[in-house]
Amino acid sequence: MLDTLTFLLERLFLLAHVKLSSLLPPRLARDREEPAPQLPAAAAPHRLQRGDLLEVPRTLFTHFGIYLGDNRVAHLIPDILPALSSDSRRLQQMVTNSRLLLGVLSKRASIRVDSVEDFAYGAGILLNVMDRAVARSPLPGEEVARRAERLVGGVSYSLLWNNCEHFVTHCRYGAAQSLQTDQFCEWLKSLIRDQRSVLLAGLLGLLSMACLGVSASTALPSALIPFTLWMAS
């Protein structure tokens, strides 16, 4: 059962944390697609400065963190354990898939400090790439790191409204922002405004009544959803 939920969660991550370069406006997407050297995790600490913003491209999404110095990275990750235990030794253990999954479902997370190697989890690291995509200038490195350190601990979590990207942009630029969320909302707005969505919703409503029969539970949504989309378009 847990494996099934983990698979579904990964698909959800694909939708909510889809690669940033595919969601950014054309100009910013081109900037992000310029070759950016990836640092191997083992060699990264020798190149990093306190307050740097680190990105680790995963298969389905990109993870973000703030470098604190001395091979330490602060990052926000879904985690149910801080809501269940105050045992610092247990909390410091690597976040398992089960902890992550339950953290997403319960909307709980932790801002934790891990080594660069544990943060990267075998992937290469992109350094301060977001500086080219955000309008605000970065804060001084020491201030960035201290902002991150002050937030370490349990926090609420949302795939769209409070994720690891919000954390690092709050620390580095002084305002929490997720470019991925912004572009997802723009895409959703364009979908709602597209009058073809009204036709599709109407056809799906008719299909549901044909398959399930005409009743309040099928007729009401079949009329209300297309009407709402029509008024919003």
C-alpha atoms as a PDB file:
ATOM      1  CA  MET A   1       0.000   0.000   0.000  1.00  0.00           C
ATOM      2  CA  LEU A   2       2.808   2.377   0.926  1.00  0.00           C
ATOM      3  CA  ASP A   3       4.602   1.629  -2.358  1.00  0.00           C
ATOM      4  CA  THR A   4       1.435   2.559  -4.245  1.00  0.00           C
ATOM      5  CA  LEU A   5       1.091   5.804  -2.323  1.00  0.00           C
ATOM      6  CA  THR A   6       4.756   6.590  -2.942  1.00  0.00           C
ATOM      7  CA  PHE A   7       4.242   6.063  -6.680  1.00  0.00           C
ATOM      8  CA  LEU A   8       1.215   8.368  -6.653  1.00  0.00           C
ATOM      9  CA  LEU A   9       3.196  10.951  -4.692  1.00  0.00           C
ATOM     10  CA  GLU A  10       5.940  10.884  -7.303  1.00  0.00           C
ATOM     11  CA  ARG A  11       3.370  11.550 -10.004  1.00  0.00           C
ATOM     12  CA  LEU A  12       2.073  14.455  -7.913  1.00  0.00           C
ATOM     13  CA  PHE A  13       5.582  15.832  -7.593  1.00  0.00           C
ATOM     14  CA  LEU A  14       5.856  15.638 -11.365  1.00  0.00           C
ATOM     15  CA  LEU A  15       2.828  17.925 -11.687  1.00  0.00           C
ATOM     16  CA  ALA A  16       3.652  20.298  -8.844  1.00  0.00           C
ATOM     17  CA  HIS A  17       7.429  20.477  -9.273  1.00  0.00           C
ATOM     18  CA  VAL A  18       7.718  20.078 -13.026  1.00  0.00           C
ATOM     19  CA  LYS A  19      11.057  21.223 -14.397  1.00  0.00           C
ATOM     20  CA  LEU A  20      11.384  24.963 -14.041  1.00  0.00           C
ATOM     21  CA  SER A  21      12.752  25.481 -17.563  1.00  0.00           C
ATOM     22  CA  SER A  22       9.502  24.162 -19.086  1.00  0.00           C
ATOM     23  CA  LEU A  23       7.357  26.584 -17.061  1.00  0.00           C
ATOM     24  CA  LEU A  24       9.332  29.811 -17.186  1.00  0.00           C
ATOM     25  CA  PRO A  25       8.520  32.567 -19.667  1.00  0.00           C
ATOM     26  CA  PRO A  26      10.543  32.179 -22.901  1.00  0.00           C
ATOM     27  CA  ARG A  27      13.233  34.736 -21.974  1.00  0.00           C
ATOM     28  CA  LEU A  28      13.844  33.262 -18.541  1.00  0.00           C
ATOM     29  CA  ALA A  29      13.634  29.714 -19.869  1.00  0.00           C
ATOM     30  CA  ARG A  30      16.438  30.487 -22.299  1.00  0.00           C
ATOM     31  CA  ASP A  31      18.515  31.921 -19.463  1.00  0.00           C
ATOM     32  CA  ARG A  32      17.962  28.779 -17.414  1.00  0.00           C
ATOM     33  CA  GLU A  33      18.841  26.541 -20.358  1.00  0.00           C
ATOM     34  CA  GLU A  34      22.259  28.113 -20.803  1.00  0.00           C
ATOM     35  CA  PRO A  35      24.840  25.519 -19.803  1.00  0.00           C
ATOM     36  CA  ALA A  36      25.439  25.690 -16.064  1.00  0.00           C
ATOM     37  CA  PRO A  37      28.236  23.579 -14.610  1.00  0.00           C
ATOM     38  CA  GLN A  38      27.134  21.011 -12.073  1.00  0.00           C
ATOM     39  CA  LEU A  39      29.416  20.532  -9.100  1.00  0.00           C
ATOM     40  CA  PRO A  40      29.981  17.009  -7.814  1.00  0.00           C
ATOM     41  CA  ALA A  41      28.779  16.860  -4.219  1.00  0.00           C
ATOM     42  CA  ALA A  42      32.164  15.657  -2.968  1.00  0.00           C
ATOM     43  CA  ALA A  43      33.989  18.635  -4.500  1.00  0.00           C
ATOM     44  CA  ALA A  44      31.283  21.237  -3.894  1.00  0.00           C
ATOM     45  CA  PRO A  45      32.300  22.393  -0.373  1.00  0.00           C
ATOM     46  CA  HIS A  46      35.598  23.706  -1.756  1.00  0.00           C
ATOM     47  CA  ARG A  47      33.728  25.935  -4.228  1.00  0.00           C
ATOM     48  CA  LEU A  48      30.809  27.068  -2.089  1.00  0.00           C
ATOM     49  CA  GLN A  49      30.409  30.193  -0.001  1.00  0.00           C
ATOM     50  CA  ARG A  50      28.138  30.741   2.971  1.00  0.00           C
ATOM     51  CA  GLY A  51      24.710  31.858   1.730  1.00  0.00           C
ATOM     52  CA  ASP A  52      24.943  30.238  -1.718  1.00  0.00           C
ATOM     53  CA  LEU A  53      21.713  28.851  -3.183  1.00  0.00           C
ATOM     54  CA  LEU A  54      22.058  25.220  -4.217  1.00  0.00           C
ATOM     55  CA  GLU A  55      19.842  23.377  -6.685  1.00  0.00           C
ATOM     56  CA  VAL A  56      19.795  19.626  -7.169  1.00  0.00           C
ATOM     57  CA  PRO A  57      17.907  18.475 -10.286  1.00  0.00           C
ATOM     58  CA  ARG A  58      15.983  15.308  -9.462  1.00  0.00           C
ATOM     59  CA  THR A  59      14.254  13.017 -11.930  1.00  0.00           C
ATOM     60  CA  LEU A  60      10.844  14.587 -11.309  1.00  0.00           C
ATOM     61  CA  PHE A  61      11.590  17.916  -9.619  1.00  0.00           C
ATOM     62  CA  THR A  62      14.334  20.259  -8.422  1.00  0.00           C
ATOM     63  CA  HIS A  63      15.329  20.463  -4.761  1.00  0.00           C
ATOM     64  CA  PHE A  64      16.739  23.659  -3.226  1.00  0.00           C
ATOM     65  CA  GLY A  65      18.908  24.476  -0.232  1.00  0.00           C
ATOM     66  CA  ILE A  66      21.069  27.193   1.348  1.00  0.00           C
ATOM     67  CA  TYR A  67      24.744  26.530   2.042  1.00  0.00           C
ATOM     68  CA  LEU A  68      25.709  27.349   5.633  1.00  0.00           C
ATOM     69  CA  GLY A  69      29.423  26.623   5.468  1.00  0.00           C
ATOM     70  CA  ASP A  70      31.431  23.709   6.898  1.00  0.00           C
ATOM     71  CA  ASN A  71      29.804  21.252   4.468  1.00  0.00           C
ATOM     72  CA  ARG A  72      26.288  21.994   5.811  1.00  0.00           C
ATOM     73  CA  VAL A  73      23.112  22.738   3.844  1.00  0.00           C
ATOM     74  CA  ALA A  74      19.765  23.954   5.216  1.00  0.00           C
ATOM     75  CA  HIS A  75      16.788  22.755   3.209  1.00  0.00           C
ATOM     76  CA  LEU A  76      13.031  22.272   3.602  1.00  0.00           C
ATOM     77  CA  ILE A  77      11.733  18.759   3.106  1.00  0.00           C
ATOM     78  CA  PRO A  78       8.336  17.143   3.834  1.00  0.00           C
ATOM     79  CA  ASP A  79       8.646  15.139   7.056  1.00  0.00           C
ATOM     80  CA  ILE A  80       6.015  13.815   9.473  1.00  0.00           C
ATOM     81  CA  LEU A  81       8.464  12.994  12.274  1.00  0.00           C
ATOM     82  CA  PRO A  82       8.813  16.489  13.850  1.00  0.00           C
ATOM     83  CA  ALA A  83       5.066  16.404  14.547  1.00  0.00           C
ATOM     84  CA  LEU A  84       5.403  13.052  16.315  1.00  0.00           C
ATOM     85  CA  SER A  85       8.700  13.175  18.163  1.00  0.00           C
ATOM     86  CA  SER A  86      11.144  15.597  19.758  1.00  0.00           C
ATOM     87  CA  ASP A  87      14.012  13.094  19.808  1.00  0.00           C
ATOM     88  CA  SER A  88      16.811  15.047  18.100  1.00  0.00           C
ATOM     89  CA  ARG A  89      18.732  11.869  17.281  1.00  0.00           C
ATOM     90  CA  ARG A  90      15.765  10.388  15.379  1.00  0.00           C
ATOM     91  CA  LEU A  91      14.979  13.680  13.699  1.00  0.00           C
ATOM     92  CA  GLN A  92      18.521  14.003  12.366  1.00  0.00           C
ATOM     93  CA  GLN A  93      18.387  10.648  10.600  1.00  0.00           C
ATOM     94  CA  MET A  94      17.901  10.734   6.838  1.00  0.00           C
ATOM     95  CA  VAL A  95      14.265  11.326   5.816  1.00  0.00           C
ATOM     96  CA  THR A  96      12.852   8.072   4.464  1.00  0.00           C
ATOM     97  CA  ASN A  97      10.241   7.813   1.707  1.00  0.00           C
ATOM     98  CA  SER A  98       7.622   6.930   4.327  1.00  0.00           C
ATOM     99  CA  ARG A  99       8.410  10.022   6.398  1.00  0.00           C
ATOM    100  CA  LEU A 100       8.357  12.176   3.270  1.00  0.00           C
ATOM    101  CA  LEU A 101       5.065  10.743   2.009  1.00  0.00           C
ATOM    102  CA  LEU A 102       3.314  11.178   5.359  1.00  0.00           C
ATOM    103  CA  GLY A 103       4.753  14.680   5.608  1.00  0.00           C
ATOM    104  CA  VAL A 104       3.196  15.652   2.277  1.00  0.00           C
ATOM    105  CA  LEU A 105      -0.172  14.144   3.184  1.00  0.00           C
ATOM    106  CA  SER A 106      -0.203  15.781   6.632  1.00  0.00           C
ATOM    107  CA  LYS A 107       1.280  19.039   5.250  1.00  0.00           C
ATOM    108  CA  ARG A 108       4.187  18.919   7.704  1.00  0.00           C
ATOM    109  CA  ALA A 109       7.851  19.527   6.915  1.00  0.00           C
ATOM    110  CA  SER A 110      11.139  20.286   8.573  1.00  0.00           C
ATOM    111  CA  ILE A 111      13.871  22.753   7.742  1.00  0.00           C
ATOM    112  CA  ARG A 112      16.904  20.649   8.543  1.00  0.00           C
ATOM    113  CA  VAL A 113      20.659  20.806   8.168  1.00  0.00           C
ATOM    114  CA  ASP A 114      22.433  17.996   6.318  1.00  0.00           C
ATOM    115  CA  SER A 115      25.804  17.484   4.746  1.00  0.00           C
ATOM    116  CA  VAL A 116      26.255  18.500   1.115  1.00  0.00           C
ATOM    117  CA  GLU A 117      26.508  14.831   0.150  1.00  0.00           C
ATOM    118  CA  ASP A 118      23.249  13.888   1.907  1.00  0.00           C
ATOM    119  CA  PHE A 119      21.479  16.921   0.454  1.00  0.00           C
ATOM    120  CA  ALA A 120      22.614  16.143  -3.106  1.00  0.00           C
ATOM    121  CA  TYR A 121      21.882  12.410  -2.744  1.00  0.00           C
ATOM    122  CA  GLY A 122      24.248  11.491  -5.552  1.00  0.00           C
ATOM    123  CA  ALA A 123      23.222  14.255  -7.976  1.00  0.00           C
ATOM    124  CA  GLY A 124      25.241  17.214  -9.237  1.00  0.00           C
ATOM    125  CA  ILE A 125      24.715  20.654  -7.715  1.00  0.00           C
ATOM    126  CA  LEU A 126      23.834  23.882  -9.537  1.00  0.00           C
ATOM    127  CA  LEU A 127      25.153  27.021  -7.866  1.00  0.00           C
ATOM    128  CA  ASN A 128      23.136  30.274  -7.655  1.00  0.00           C
ATOM    129  CA  VAL A 129      21.410  29.613 -11.002  1.00  0.00           C
ATOM    130  CA  MET A 130      18.190  31.199  -9.745  1.00  0.00           C
ATOM    131  CA  ASP A 131      19.910  34.595  -9.478  1.00  0.00           C
ATOM    132  CA  ARG A 132      19.319  34.997 -13.223  1.00  0.00           C
ATOM    133  CA  ALA A 133      15.588  34.258 -12.988  1.00  0.00           C
ATOM    134  CA  VAL A 134      14.559  36.330  -9.948  1.00  0.00           C
ATOM    135  CA  ALA A 135      14.076  40.099 -10.194  1.00  0.00           C
ATOM    136  CA  ARG A 136      15.392  40.813  -6.695  1.00  0.00           C
ATOM    137  CA  SER A 137      19.120  41.013  -6.023  1.00  0.00           C
ATOM    138  CA  PRO A 138      20.581  38.477  -3.587  1.00  0.00           C
ATOM    139  CA  LEU A 139      21.122  39.562   0.009  1.00  0.00           C
ATOM    140  CA  PRO A 140      24.641  39.395   1.493  1.00  0.00           C
ATOM    141  CA  GLY A 141      25.731  35.798   1.980  1.00  0.00           C
ATOM    142  CA  GLU A 142      26.016  36.029   5.763  1.00  0.00           C
ATOM    143  CA  GLU A 143      22.484  37.409   6.073  1.00  0.00           C
ATOM    144  CA  VAL A 144      21.157  34.678   3.774  1.00  0.00           C
ATOM    145  CA  ALA A 145      22.738  31.969   5.926  1.00  0.00           C
ATOM    146  CA  ARG A 146      21.510  33.481   9.180  1.00  0.00           C
ATOM    147  CA  ARG A 147      17.951  33.741   7.849  1.00  0.00           C
ATOM    148  CA  ALA A 148      18.118  30.035   7.011  1.00  0.00           C
ATOM    149  CA  GLU A 149      19.562  29.092  10.394  1.00  0.00           C
ATOM    150  CA  ARG A 150      16.813  30.952  12.260  1.00  0.00           C
ATOM    151  CA  LEU A 151      14.141  28.891  10.476  1.00  0.00           C
ATOM    152  CA  VAL A 152      15.557  25.436  11.244  1.00  0.00           C
ATOM    153  CA  GLY A 153      12.858  23.224  12.764  1.00  0.00           C
ATOM    154  CA  GLY A 154       9.358  21.955  12.036  1.00  0.00           C
ATOM    155  CA  VAL A 155       7.160  23.985   9.658  1.00  0.00           C
ATOM    156  CA  SER A 156       3.938  23.619   7.704  1.00  0.00           C
ATOM    157  CA  TYR A 157       4.191  22.364   4.134  1.00  0.00           C
ATOM    158  CA  SER A 158       2.349  22.846   0.866  1.00  0.00           C
ATOM    159  CA  LEU A 159       3.327  21.573  -2.571  1.00  0.00           C
ATOM    160  CA  LEU A 160       2.346  24.902  -4.108  1.00  0.00           C
ATOM    161  CA  TRP A 161       2.444  27.518  -1.352  1.00  0.00           C
ATOM    162  CA  ASN A 162       5.252  26.574   1.036  1.00  0.00           C
ATOM    163  CA  ASN A 163       7.896  24.313  -0.441  1.00  0.00           C
ATOM    164  CA  CYS A 164      11.696  24.220  -0.581  1.00  0.00           C
ATOM    165  CA  GLU A 165      11.775  26.936  -3.264  1.00  0.00           C
ATOM    166  CA  HIS A 166       9.794  29.341  -1.069  1.00  0.00           C
ATOM    167  CA  PHE A 167      12.292  28.708   1.727  1.00  0.00           C
ATOM    168  CA  VAL A 168      15.416  29.486  -0.282  1.00  0.00           C
ATOM    169  CA  THR A 169      13.955  32.551  -2.017  1.00  0.00           C
ATOM    170  CA  HIS A 170      12.872  33.954   1.367  1.00  0.00           C
ATOM    171  CA  CYS A 171      16.408  33.499   2.653  1.00  0.00           C
ATOM    172  CA  ARG A 172      18.353  34.693  -0.383  1.00  0.00           C
ATOM    173  CA  TYR A 173      16.103  37.405  -1.866  1.00  0.00           C
ATOM    174  CA  GLY A 174      14.047  38.536   1.124  1.00  0.00           C
ATOM    175  CA  ALA A 175      10.682  37.385  -0.264  1.00  0.00           C
ATOM    176  CA  ALA A 176       9.260  33.872  -0.483  1.00  0.00           C
ATOM    177  CA  GLN A 177       8.486  32.942  -4.071  1.00  0.00           C
ATOM    178  CA  SER A 178       8.165  29.852  -6.200  1.00  0.00           C
ATOM    179  CA  LEU A 179       8.624  30.437  -9.915  1.00  0.00           C
ATOM    180  CA  GLN A 180       7.264  26.964 -10.554  1.00  0.00           C
ATOM    181  CA  THR A 181       4.073  27.748  -8.618  1.00  0.00           C
ATOM    182  CA  ASP A 182       3.691  31.125 -10.344  1.00  0.00           C
ATOM    183  CA  GLN A 183       3.896  29.555 -13.767  1.00  0.00           C
ATOM    184  CA  PHE A 184       1.600  26.688 -12.791  1.00  0.00           C
ATOM    185  CA  CYS A 185      -1.031  29.235 -11.713  1.00  0.00           C
ATOM    186  CA  GLU A 186      -0.631  31.107 -15.004  1.00  0.00           C
ATOM    187  CA  TRP A 187      -1.117  27.855 -16.893  1.00  0.00           C
ATOM    188  CA  LEU A 188      -4.204  27.056 -14.794  1.00  0.00           C
ATOM    189  CA  LYS A 189      -5.606  30.545 -15.457  1.00  0.00           C
ATOM    190  CA  SER A 190      -5.147  30.120 -19.206  1.00  0.00           C
ATOM    191  CA  LEU A 191      -6.842  26.720 -19.003  1.00  0.00           C
ATOM    192  CA  ILE A 192      -9.880  28.191 -17.240  1.00  0.00           C
ATOM    193  CA  ARG A 193     -10.082  31.062 -19.731  1.00  0.00           C
ATOM    194  CA  ASP A 194      -9.995  28.670 -22.688  1.00  0.00           C
ATOM    195  CA  GLN A 195     -13.629  28.237 -23.741  1.00  0.00           C
ATOM    196  CA  ARG A 196     -12.836  24.768 -25.015  1.00  0.00           C
ATOM    197  CA  SER A 197     -12.688  23.769 -21.336  1.00  0.00           C
ATOM    198  CA  VAL A 198     -16.380  24.632 -21.077  1.00  0.00           C
ATOM    199  CA  LEU A 199     -17.202  22.317 -23.983  1.00  0.00           C
ATOM    200  CA  LEU A 200     -15.050  19.529 -22.550  1.00  0.00           C
ATOM    201  CA  ALA A 201     -16.640  19.859 -19.099  1.00  0.00           C
ATOM    202  CA  GLY A 202     -20.104  19.772 -20.677  1.00  0.00           C
ATOM    203  CA  LEU A 203     -19.303  16.654 -22.710  1.00  0.00           C
ATOM    204  CA  LEU A 204     -17.871  14.905 -19.644  1.00  0.00           C
ATOM    205  CA  GLY A 205     -21.027  15.833 -17.731  1.00  0.00           C
ATOM    206  CA  LEU A 206     -23.252  14.341 -20.415  1.00  0.00           C
ATOM    207  CA  LEU A 207     -21.082  11.231 -20.502  1.00  0.00           C
ATOM    208  CA  SER A 208     -21.346  10.807 -16.734  1.00  0.00           C
ATOM    209  CA  MET A 209     -25.154  11.076 -16.888  1.00  0.00           C
ATOM    210  CA  ALA A 210     -25.261   8.581 -19.757  1.00  0.00           C
ATOM    211  CA  CYS A 211     -23.144   6.081 -17.820  1.00  0.00           C
ATOM    212  CA  LEU A 212     -24.390   6.675 -14.270  1.00  0.00           C
ATOM    213  CA  GLY A 213     -27.917   7.850 -14.936  1.00  0.00           C
ATOM    214  CA  VAL A 214     -29.595  11.198 -14.355  1.00  0.00           C
ATOM    215  CA  SER A 215     -29.665  12.149 -10.689  1.00  0.00           C
ATOM    216  CA  ALA A 216     -28.852  15.145  -8.519  1.00  0.00           C
ATOM    217  CA  SER A 217     -25.305  13.869  -7.999  1.00  0.00           C
ATOM    218  CA  THR A 218     -24.637  13.789 -11.767  1.00  0.00           C
ATOM    219  CA  ALA A 219     -26.897  16.511 -13.175  1.00  0.00           C
ATOM    220  CA  LEU A 220     -25.876  19.264 -10.755  1.00  0.00           C
ATOM    221  CA  PRO A 221     -22.095  19.035 -11.376  1.00  0.00           C
ATOM    222  CA  SER A 222     -22.742  18.567 -15.108  1.00  0.00           C
ATOM    223  CA  ALA A 223     -24.502  21.925 -15.209  1.00  0.00           C
ATOM    224  CA  LEU A 224     -22.621  23.822 -12.489  1.00  0.00           C
ATOM    225  CA  ILE A 225     -19.043  23.130 -13.605  1.00  0.00           C
ATOM    226  CA  PRO A 226     -19.475  24.236 -17.266  1.00  0.00           C
ATOM    227  CA  PHE A 227     -21.479  27.267 -16.101  1.00  0.00           C
ATOM    228  CA  THR A 228     -18.725  28.280 -13.651  1.00  0.00           C
ATOM    229  CA  LEU A 229     -16.043  27.858 -16.327  1.00  0.00           C
ATOM    230  CA  TRP A 230     -18.132  29.871 -18.791  1.00  0.00           C
ATOM    231  CA  MET A 231     -18.564  32.754 -16.351  1.00  0.00           C
ATOM    232  CA  ALA A 232     -14.831  32.686 -15.497  1.00  0.00           C
ATOM    233  CA  SER A 233     -13.663  32.576 -19.111  1.00  0.00           C
END
